Amino acid sequence: MSIGRPLIIEDEQDPLSFVGCRFGRLLVTRAAAPSHDCNCPRWRAMCDCGIGCDVTEYGLVNGLRASCGCQGQAKDRRAKVAA
C-alpha cells in the first residue's frame, strides 16, 4: 500500500484541513488537542483495524505514520511464525 500526496481540503474555518484524507491505513477524522511536549498540529485518525489514534501532521505528511501500529505488530507475528 503506497502513501500518496493527500488531497487537502480547504474550508473557511481551517484553511488546511486533513479531515477525510487517507494516509496508508489511517483516515483523518478531526483535529486533535495539541501535545504538551510539542507545538505541532495533531490529528485524530481511525485505522482500518478500528483503533483510533492521535498523530502529528508531520508524521502523516512525511509518511512516518501509516497505521496505528497494527502493521508493525502483524509483521512481528508473521516473522515469529516463519522462524
PDB file of N, CA and C in Angstrom:
ATOM      1  N   MET A   1       0.848  -1.171   0.000  1.00  0.00           N
ATOM      2  CA  MET A   1       0.000   0.000   0.000  1.00  0.00           C
ATOM      3  C   MET A   1       0.896   1.237   0.000  1.00  0.00           C
ATOM      4  N   SER A   2       0.719   2.095  -0.950  1.00  0.00           N
ATOM      5  CA  SER A   2       1.582   3.266  -1.040  1.00  0.00           C
ATOM      6  C   SER A   2       0.892   4.478  -0.436  1.00  0.00           C
ATOM      7  N   ILE A   3       1.700   5.397  -0.004  1.00  0.00           N
ATOM      8  CA  ILE A   3       1.185   6.635   0.560  1.00  0.00           C
ATOM      9  C   ILE A   3       1.400   7.725  -0.464  1.00  0.00           C
ATOM     10  N   GLY A   4       0.328   8.231  -0.997  1.00  0.00           N
ATOM     11  CA  GLY A   4       0.417   9.292  -1.991  1.00  0.00           C
ATOM     12  C   GLY A   4       0.228  10.650  -1.358  1.00  0.00           C
ATOM     13  N   ARG A   5       0.320  11.661  -2.158  1.00  0.00           N
ATOM     14  CA  ARG A   5       0.073  13.000  -1.661  1.00  0.00           C
ATOM     15  C   ARG A   5      -1.403  13.130  -1.341  1.00  0.00           C
ATOM     16  N   PRO A   6      -1.744  13.658  -0.168  1.00  0.00           N
ATOM     17  CA  PRO A   6      -3.151  13.744   0.213  1.00  0.00           C
ATOM     18  C   PRO A   6      -3.861  14.885  -0.507  1.00  0.00           C
ATOM     19  N   LEU A   7      -5.149  14.711  -0.651  1.00  0.00           N
ATOM     20  CA  LEU A   7      -5.987  15.798  -1.131  1.00  0.00           C
ATOM     21  C   LEU A   7      -6.284  16.665   0.079  1.00  0.00           C
ATOM     22  N   ILE A   8      -5.812  17.890   0.082  1.00  0.00           N
ATOM     23  CA  ILE A   8      -6.009  18.784   1.220  1.00  0.00           C
ATOM     24  C   ILE A   8      -7.288  19.583   0.978  1.00  0.00           C
ATOM     25  N   ILE A   9      -8.201  19.470   1.921  1.00  0.00           N
ATOM     26  CA  ILE A   9      -9.498  20.117   1.804  1.00  0.00           C
ATOM     27  C   ILE A   9      -9.413  21.507   2.413  1.00  0.00           C
ATOM     28  N   GLU A  10      -9.837  22.495   1.665  1.00  0.00           N
ATOM     29  CA  GLU A  10      -9.846  23.858   2.185  1.00  0.00           C
ATOM     30  C   GLU A  10     -11.252  24.206   2.636  1.00  0.00           C
ATOM     31  N   ASP A  11     -11.391  24.711   3.838  1.00  0.00           N
ATOM     32  CA  ASP A  11     -12.681  25.217   4.289  1.00  0.00           C
ATOM     33  C   ASP A  11     -12.459  26.556   4.971  1.00  0.00           C
ATOM     34  N   GLU A  12     -13.554  27.202   5.326  1.00  0.00           N
ATOM     35  CA  GLU A  12     -13.459  28.569   5.853  1.00  0.00           C
ATOM     36  C   GLU A  12     -12.812  28.623   7.223  1.00  0.00           C
ATOM     37  N   GLN A  13     -13.063  27.632   8.076  1.00  0.00           N
ATOM     38  CA  GLN A  13     -12.562  27.685   9.445  1.00  0.00           C
ATOM     39  C   GLN A  13     -11.124  27.192   9.555  1.00  0.00           C
ATOM     40  N   ASP A  14     -10.731  26.254   8.740  1.00  0.00           N
ATOM     41  CA  ASP A  14      -9.385  25.696   8.791  1.00  0.00           C
ATOM     42  C   ASP A  14      -8.874  25.579   7.358  1.00  0.00           C
ATOM     43  N   PRO A  15      -8.007  26.487   6.932  1.00  0.00           N
ATOM     44  CA  PRO A  15      -7.586  26.506   5.533  1.00  0.00           C
ATOM     45  C   PRO A  15      -6.835  25.251   5.095  1.00  0.00           C
ATOM     46  N   LEU A  16      -6.221  24.526   6.010  1.00  0.00           N
ATOM     47  CA  LEU A  16      -5.523  23.288   5.659  1.00  0.00           C
ATOM     48  C   LEU A  16      -6.078  22.150   6.511  1.00  0.00           C
ATOM     49  N   SER A  17      -7.234  21.648   6.136  1.00  0.00           N
ATOM     50  CA  SER A  17      -7.867  20.579   6.893  1.00  0.00           C
ATOM     51  C   SER A  17      -7.539  19.239   6.260  1.00  0.00           C
ATOM     52  N   PHE A  18      -7.111  18.288   7.073  1.00  0.00           N
ATOM     53  CA  PHE A  18      -6.816  16.946   6.605  1.00  0.00           C
ATOM     54  C   PHE A  18      -7.985  15.991   6.855  1.00  0.00           C
ATOM     55  N   VAL A  19      -9.100  16.506   7.377  1.00  0.00           N
ATOM     56  CA  VAL A  19     -10.258  15.668   7.667  1.00  0.00           C
ATOM     57  C   VAL A  19     -10.743  15.020   6.371  1.00  0.00           C
ATOM     58  N   GLY A  20     -10.887  13.710   6.420  1.00  0.00           N
ATOM     59  CA  GLY A  20     -11.322  12.956   5.252  1.00  0.00           C
ATOM     60  C   GLY A  20     -10.180  12.443   4.395  1.00  0.00           C
ATOM     61  N   CYS A  21      -8.949  12.839   4.701  1.00  0.00           N
ATOM     62  CA  CYS A  21      -7.787  12.386   3.926  1.00  0.00           C
ATOM     63  C   CYS A  21      -7.295  11.044   4.465  1.00  0.00           C
ATOM     64  N   ARG A  22      -6.825  10.201   3.580  1.00  0.00           N
ATOM     65  CA  ARG A  22      -6.301   8.889   3.952  1.00  0.00           C
ATOM     66  C   ARG A  22      -4.783   8.882   3.800  1.00  0.00           C
ATOM     67  N   PHE A  23      -4.122   8.338   4.823  1.00  0.00           N
ATOM     68  CA  PHE A  23      -2.675   8.174   4.836  1.00  0.00           C
ATOM     69  C   PHE A  23      -2.418   6.712   5.180  1.00  0.00           C
ATOM     70  N   GLY A  24      -2.142   5.884   4.180  1.00  0.00           N
ATOM     71  CA  GLY A  24      -1.971   4.458   4.425  1.00  0.00           C
ATOM     72  C   GLY A  24      -3.259   3.866   4.951  1.00  0.00           C
ATOM     73  N   ARG A  25      -3.215   3.295   6.161  1.00  0.00           N
ATOM     74  CA  ARG A  25      -4.407   2.705   6.782  1.00  0.00           C
ATOM     75  C   ARG A  25      -5.166   3.708   7.638  1.00  0.00           C
ATOM     76  N   LEU A  26      -4.663   4.942   7.765  1.00  0.00           N
ATOM     77  CA  LEU A  26      -5.283   5.946   8.632  1.00  0.00           C
ATOM     78  C   LEU A  26      -6.189   6.884   7.853  1.00  0.00           C
ATOM     79  N   LEU A  27      -7.393   7.119   8.393  1.00  0.00           N
ATOM     80  CA  LEU A  27      -8.331   8.082   7.854  1.00  0.00           C
ATOM     81  C   LEU A  27      -8.496   9.184   8.891  1.00  0.00           C
ATOM     82  N   VAL A  28      -8.147  10.410   8.541  1.00  0.00           N
ATOM     83  CA  VAL A  28      -8.213  11.533   9.476  1.00  0.00           C
ATOM     84  C   VAL A  28      -9.677  11.912   9.701  1.00  0.00           C
ATOM     85  N   THR A  29     -10.075  11.985  10.979  1.00  0.00           N
ATOM     86  CA  THR A  29     -11.466  12.268  11.319  1.00  0.00           C
ATOM     87  C   THR A  29     -11.686  13.657  11.902  1.00  0.00           C
ATOM     88  N   ARG A  30     -10.674  14.204  12.592  1.00  0.00           N
ATOM     89  CA  ARG A  30     -10.825  15.545  13.185  1.00  0.00           C
ATOM     90  C   ARG A  30      -9.477  16.045  13.691  1.00  0.00           C
ATOM     91  N   ALA A  31      -9.437  17.310  14.032  1.00  0.00           N
ATOM     92  CA  ALA A  31      -8.242  17.871  14.661  1.00  0.00           C
ATOM     93  C   ALA A  31      -8.170  17.354  16.094  1.00  0.00           C
ATOM     94  N   ALA A  32      -6.967  17.149  16.592  1.00  0.00           N
ATOM     95  CA  ALA A  32      -6.759  16.677  17.961  1.00  0.00           C
ATOM     96  C   ALA A  32      -6.142  17.794  18.792  1.00  0.00           C
ATOM     97  N   ALA A  33      -6.246  17.642  20.090  1.00  0.00           N
ATOM     98  CA  ALA A  33      -5.649  18.618  21.003  1.00  0.00           C
ATOM     99  C   ALA A  33      -4.129  18.582  20.848  1.00  0.00           C
ATOM    100  N   PRO A  34      -3.478  19.738  20.922  1.00  0.00           N
ATOM    101  CA  PRO A  34      -2.014  19.757  20.807  1.00  0.00           C
ATOM    102  C   PRO A  34      -1.370  19.022  21.980  1.00  0.00           C
ATOM    103  N   SER A  35      -0.229  18.431  21.705  1.00  0.00           N
ATOM    104  CA  SER A  35       0.526  17.729  22.734  1.00  0.00           C
ATOM    105  C   SER A  35       1.204  18.740  23.653  1.00  0.00           C
ATOM    106  N   HIS A  36       1.411  18.358  24.895  1.00  0.00           N
ATOM    107  CA  HIS A  36       2.061  19.263  25.838  1.00  0.00           C
ATOM    108  C   HIS A  36       3.555  19.405  25.555  1.00  0.00           C
ATOM    109  N   ASP A  37       4.148  18.443  24.843  1.00  0.00           N
ATOM    110  CA  ASP A  37       5.594  18.490  24.634  1.00  0.00           C
ATOM    111  C   ASP A  37       6.023  19.060  23.279  1.00  0.00           C
ATOM    112  N   CYS A  38       5.086  19.307  22.374  1.00  0.00           N
ATOM    113  CA  CYS A  38       5.445  19.939  21.110  1.00  0.00           C
ATOM    114  C   CYS A  38       4.293  20.822  20.642  1.00  0.00           C
ATOM    115  N   ASN A  39       4.600  21.727  19.789  1.00  0.00           N
ATOM    116  CA  ASN A  39       3.601  22.682  19.317  1.00  0.00           C
ATOM    117  C   ASN A  39       3.168  22.367  17.881  1.00  0.00           C
ATOM    118  N   CYS A  40       3.309  21.108  17.474  1.00  0.00           N
ATOM    119  CA  CYS A  40       2.964  20.742  16.107  1.00  0.00           C
ATOM    120  C   CYS A  40       1.482  20.366  16.011  1.00  0.00           C
ATOM    121  N   PRO A  41       0.878  20.628  14.857  1.00  0.00           N
ATOM    122  CA  PRO A  41      -0.534  20.258  14.681  1.00  0.00           C
ATOM    123  C   PRO A  41      -0.711  18.745  14.784  1.00  0.00           C
ATOM    124  N   ARG A  42      -1.795  18.330  15.431  1.00  0.00           N
ATOM    125  CA  ARG A  42      -2.090  16.900  15.602  1.00  0.00           C
ATOM    126  C   ARG A  42      -3.490  16.611  15.086  1.00  0.00           C
ATOM    127  N   TRP A  43      -3.678  15.387  14.620  1.00  0.00           N
ATOM    128  CA  TRP A  43      -4.952  14.970  14.052  1.00  0.00           C
ATOM    129  C   TRP A  43      -5.381  13.646  14.662  1.00  0.00           C
ATOM    130  N   ARG A  44      -6.697  13.485  14.830  1.00  0.00           N
ATOM    131  CA  ARG A  44      -7.277  12.216  15.267  1.00  0.00           C
ATOM    132  C   ARG A  44      -7.562  11.403  14.015  1.00  0.00           C
ATOM    133  N   ALA A  45      -7.114  10.160  13.985  1.00  0.00           N
ATOM    134  CA  ALA A  45      -7.308   9.306  12.823  1.00  0.00           C
ATOM    135  C   ALA A  45      -7.837   7.948  13.252  1.00  0.00           C
ATOM    136  N   MET A  46      -8.580   7.315  12.369  1.00  0.00           N
ATOM    137  CA  MET A  46      -9.100   5.974  12.597  1.00  0.00           C
ATOM    138  C   MET A  46      -8.367   5.021  11.669  1.00  0.00           C
ATOM    139  N   CYS A  47      -7.800   3.982  12.245  1.00  0.00           N
ATOM    140  CA  CYS A  47      -7.079   2.978  11.469  1.00  0.00           C
ATOM    141  C   CYS A  47      -8.086   1.982  10.889  1.00  0.00           C
ATOM    142  N   ASP A  48      -7.722   1.331   9.801  1.00  0.00           N
ATOM    143  CA  ASP A  48      -8.584   0.326   9.189  1.00  0.00           C
ATOM    144  C   ASP A  48      -8.891  -0.827  10.138  1.00  0.00           C
ATOM    145  N   CYS A  49      -8.021  -1.069  11.123  1.00  0.00           N
ATOM    146  CA  CYS A  49      -8.259  -2.144  12.088  1.00  0.00           C
ATOM    147  C   CYS A  49      -9.288  -1.743  13.144  1.00  0.00           C
ATOM    148  N   GLY A  50      -9.678  -0.452  13.179  1.00  0.00           N
ATOM    149  CA  GLY A  50     -10.708   0.013  14.105  1.00  0.00           C
ATOM    150  C   GLY A  50     -10.196   0.795  15.293  1.00  0.00           C
ATOM    151  N   ILE A  51      -8.905   0.946  15.423  1.00  0.00           N
ATOM    152  CA  ILE A  51      -8.318   1.675  16.548  1.00  0.00           C
ATOM    153  C   ILE A  51      -8.098   3.133  16.154  1.00  0.00           C
ATOM    154  N   GLY A  52      -8.474   4.050  17.045  1.00  0.00           N
ATOM    155  CA  GLY A  52      -8.244   5.472  16.821  1.00  0.00           C
ATOM    156  C   GLY A  52      -6.927   5.894  17.447  1.00  0.00           C
ATOM    157  N   CYS A  53      -6.261   6.869  16.845  1.00  0.00           N
ATOM    158  CA  CYS A  53      -5.002   7.354  17.398  1.00  0.00           C
ATOM    159  C   CYS A  53      -4.799   8.817  17.012  1.00  0.00           C
ATOM    160  N   ASP A  54      -4.034   9.522  17.844  1.00  0.00           N
ATOM    161  CA  ASP A  54      -3.644  10.896  17.545  1.00  0.00           C
ATOM    162  C   ASP A  54      -2.269  10.865  16.903  1.00  0.00           C
ATOM    163  N   VAL A  55      -2.128  11.575  15.795  1.00  0.00           N
ATOM    164  CA  VAL A  55      -0.867  11.587  15.059  1.00  0.00           C
ATOM    165  C   VAL A  55      -0.496  13.018  14.702  1.00  0.00           C
ATOM    166  N   THR A  56       0.797  13.265  14.577  1.00  0.00           N
ATOM    167  CA  THR A  56       1.234  14.600  14.192  1.00  0.00           C
ATOM    168  C   THR A  56       1.036  14.792  12.692  1.00  0.00           C
ATOM    169  N   GLU A  57       0.805  16.035  12.320  1.00  0.00           N
ATOM    170  CA  GLU A  57       0.679  16.368  10.906  1.00  0.00           C
ATOM    171  C   GLU A  57       1.971  16.028  10.166  1.00  0.00           C
ATOM    172  N   TYR A  58       3.089  16.283  10.802  1.00  0.00           N
ATOM    173  CA  TYR A  58       4.394  15.986  10.203  1.00  0.00           C
ATOM    174  C   TYR A  58       4.515  14.494   9.899  1.00  0.00           C
ATOM    175  N   GLY A  59       4.114  13.666  10.851  1.00  0.00           N
ATOM    176  CA  GLY A  59       4.193  12.228  10.658  1.00  0.00           C
ATOM    177  C   GLY A  59       3.314  11.736   9.521  1.00  0.00           C
ATOM    178  N   LEU A  60       2.137  12.331   9.380  1.00  0.00           N
ATOM    179  CA  LEU A  60       1.237  11.947   8.289  1.00  0.00           C
ATOM    180  C   LEU A  60       1.797  12.358   6.935  1.00  0.00           C
ATOM    181  N   VAL A  61       2.145  13.632   6.820  1.00  0.00           N
ATOM    182  CA  VAL A  61       2.567  14.185   5.534  1.00  0.00           C
ATOM    183  C   VAL A  61       3.869  13.559   5.052  1.00  0.00           C
ATOM    184  N   ASN A  62       4.776  13.232   5.964  1.00  0.00           N
ATOM    185  CA  ASN A  62       6.073  12.692   5.580  1.00  0.00           C
ATOM    186  C   ASN A  62       6.125  11.167   5.583  1.00  0.00           C
ATOM    187  N   GLY A  63       4.977  10.518   5.745  1.00  0.00           N
ATOM    188  CA  GLY A  63       4.922   9.067   5.654  1.00  0.00           C
ATOM    189  C   GLY A  63       5.484   8.322   6.844  1.00  0.00           C
ATOM    190  N   LEU A  64       5.650   8.995   7.974  1.00  0.00           N
ATOM    191  CA  LEU A  64       6.186   8.338   9.160  1.00  0.00           C
ATOM    192  C   LEU A  64       5.129   7.515   9.877  1.00  0.00           C
ATOM    193  N   ARG A  65       3.864   7.861   9.697  1.00  0.00           N
ATOM    194  CA  ARG A  65       2.753   7.120  10.304  1.00  0.00           C
ATOM    195  C   ARG A  65       1.780   6.718   9.217  1.00  0.00           C
ATOM    196  N   ALA A  66       1.547   5.427   9.071  1.00  0.00           N
ATOM    197  CA  ALA A  66       0.591   4.924   8.086  1.00  0.00           C
ATOM    198  C   ALA A  66      -0.426   3.992   8.729  1.00  0.00           C
ATOM    199  N   SER A  67      -0.271   3.740  10.045  1.00  0.00           N
ATOM    200  CA  SER A  67      -1.228   2.909  10.772  1.00  0.00           C
ATOM    201  C   SER A  67      -1.128   3.247  12.256  1.00  0.00           C
ATOM    202  N   CYS A  68      -1.981   2.600  13.044  1.00  0.00           N
ATOM    203  CA  CYS A  68      -1.954   2.819  14.493  1.00  0.00           C
ATOM    204  C   CYS A  68      -0.806   2.066  15.152  1.00  0.00           C
ATOM    205  N   GLY A  69      -0.168   1.217  14.390  1.00  0.00           N
ATOM    206  CA  GLY A  69       0.886   0.353  14.900  1.00  0.00           C
ATOM    207  C   GLY A  69       0.571  -1.100  14.606  1.00  0.00           C
ATOM    208  N   CYS A  70      -0.631  -1.350  14.108  1.00  0.00           N
ATOM    209  CA  CYS A  70      -1.044  -2.729  13.840  1.00  0.00           C
ATOM    210  C   CYS A  70      -0.241  -3.353  12.701  1.00  0.00           C
ATOM    211  N   GLN A  71       0.250  -2.567  11.757  1.00  0.00           N
ATOM    212  CA  GLN A  71       1.050  -3.118  10.668  1.00  0.00           C
ATOM    213  C   GLN A  71       2.353  -3.695  11.196  1.00  0.00           C
ATOM    214  N   GLY A  72       3.004  -2.983  12.084  1.00  0.00           N
ATOM    215  CA  GLY A  72       4.253  -3.466  12.673  1.00  0.00           C
ATOM    216  C   GLY A  72       4.032  -4.703  13.522  1.00  0.00           C
ATOM    217  N   GLN A  73       2.916  -4.750  14.258  1.00  0.00           N
ATOM    218  CA  GLN A  73       2.604  -5.910  15.082  1.00  0.00           C
ATOM    219  C   GLN A  73       2.334  -7.129  14.205  1.00  0.00           C
ATOM    220  N   ALA A  74       1.655  -6.922  13.071  1.00  0.00           N
ATOM    221  CA  ALA A  74       1.368  -8.033  12.152  1.00  0.00           C
ATOM    222  C   ALA A  74       2.670  -8.570  11.558  1.00  0.00           C
ATOM    223  N   LYS A  75       3.603  -7.679  11.214  1.00  0.00           N
ATOM    224  CA  LYS A  75       4.889  -8.116  10.681  1.00  0.00           C
ATOM    225  C   LYS A  75       5.647  -8.924  11.706  1.00  0.00           C
ATOM    226  N   ASP A  76       5.603  -8.486  12.987  1.00  0.00           N
ATOM    227  CA  ASP A  76       6.283  -9.209  14.054  1.00  0.00           C
ATOM    228  C   ASP A  76       5.700 -10.612  14.212  1.00  0.00           C
ATOM    229  N   ARG A  77       4.365 -10.733  14.165  1.00  0.00           N
ATOM    230  CA  ARG A  77       3.720 -12.037  14.301  1.00  0.00           C
ATOM    231  C   ARG A  77       4.107 -12.958  13.141  1.00  0.00           C
ATOM    232  N   ARG A  78       4.119 -12.403  11.904  1.00  0.00           N
ATOM    233  CA  ARG A  78       4.478 -13.220  10.755  1.00  0.00           C
ATOM    234  C   ARG A  78       5.937 -13.691  10.858  1.00  0.00           C
ATOM    235  N   ALA A  79       6.821 -12.834  11.342  1.00  0.00           N
ATOM    236  CA  ALA A  79       8.240 -13.202  11.477  1.00  0.00           C
ATOM    237  C   ALA A  79       8.406 -14.320  12.513  1.00  0.00           C
ATOM    238  N   LYS A  80       7.648 -14.281  13.597  1.00  0.00           N
ATOM    239  CA  LYS A  80       7.754 -15.314  14.640  1.00  0.00           C
ATOM    240  C   LYS A  80       7.228 -16.654  14.124  1.00  0.00           C
ATOM    241  N   VAL A  81       6.166 -16.605  13.322  1.00  0.00           N
ATOM    242  CA  VAL A  81       5.604 -17.843  12.779  1.00  0.00           C
ATOM    243  C   VAL A  81       6.572 -18.463  11.779  1.00  0.00           C
ATOM    244  N   ALA A  82       7.233 -17.630  10.980  1.00  0.00           N
ATOM    245  CA  ALA A  82       8.162 -18.114   9.951  1.00  0.00           C
ATOM    246  C   ALA A  82       9.446 -18.682  10.558  1.00  0.00           C
ATOM    247  N   ALA A  83       9.797 -18.228  11.756  1.00  0.00           N
ATOM    248  CA  ALA A  83      11.052 -18.671  12.388  1.00  0.00           C
ATOM    249  C   ALA A  83      10.973 -20.047  12.980  1.00  0.00           C
TER     250      ALA A  83
END
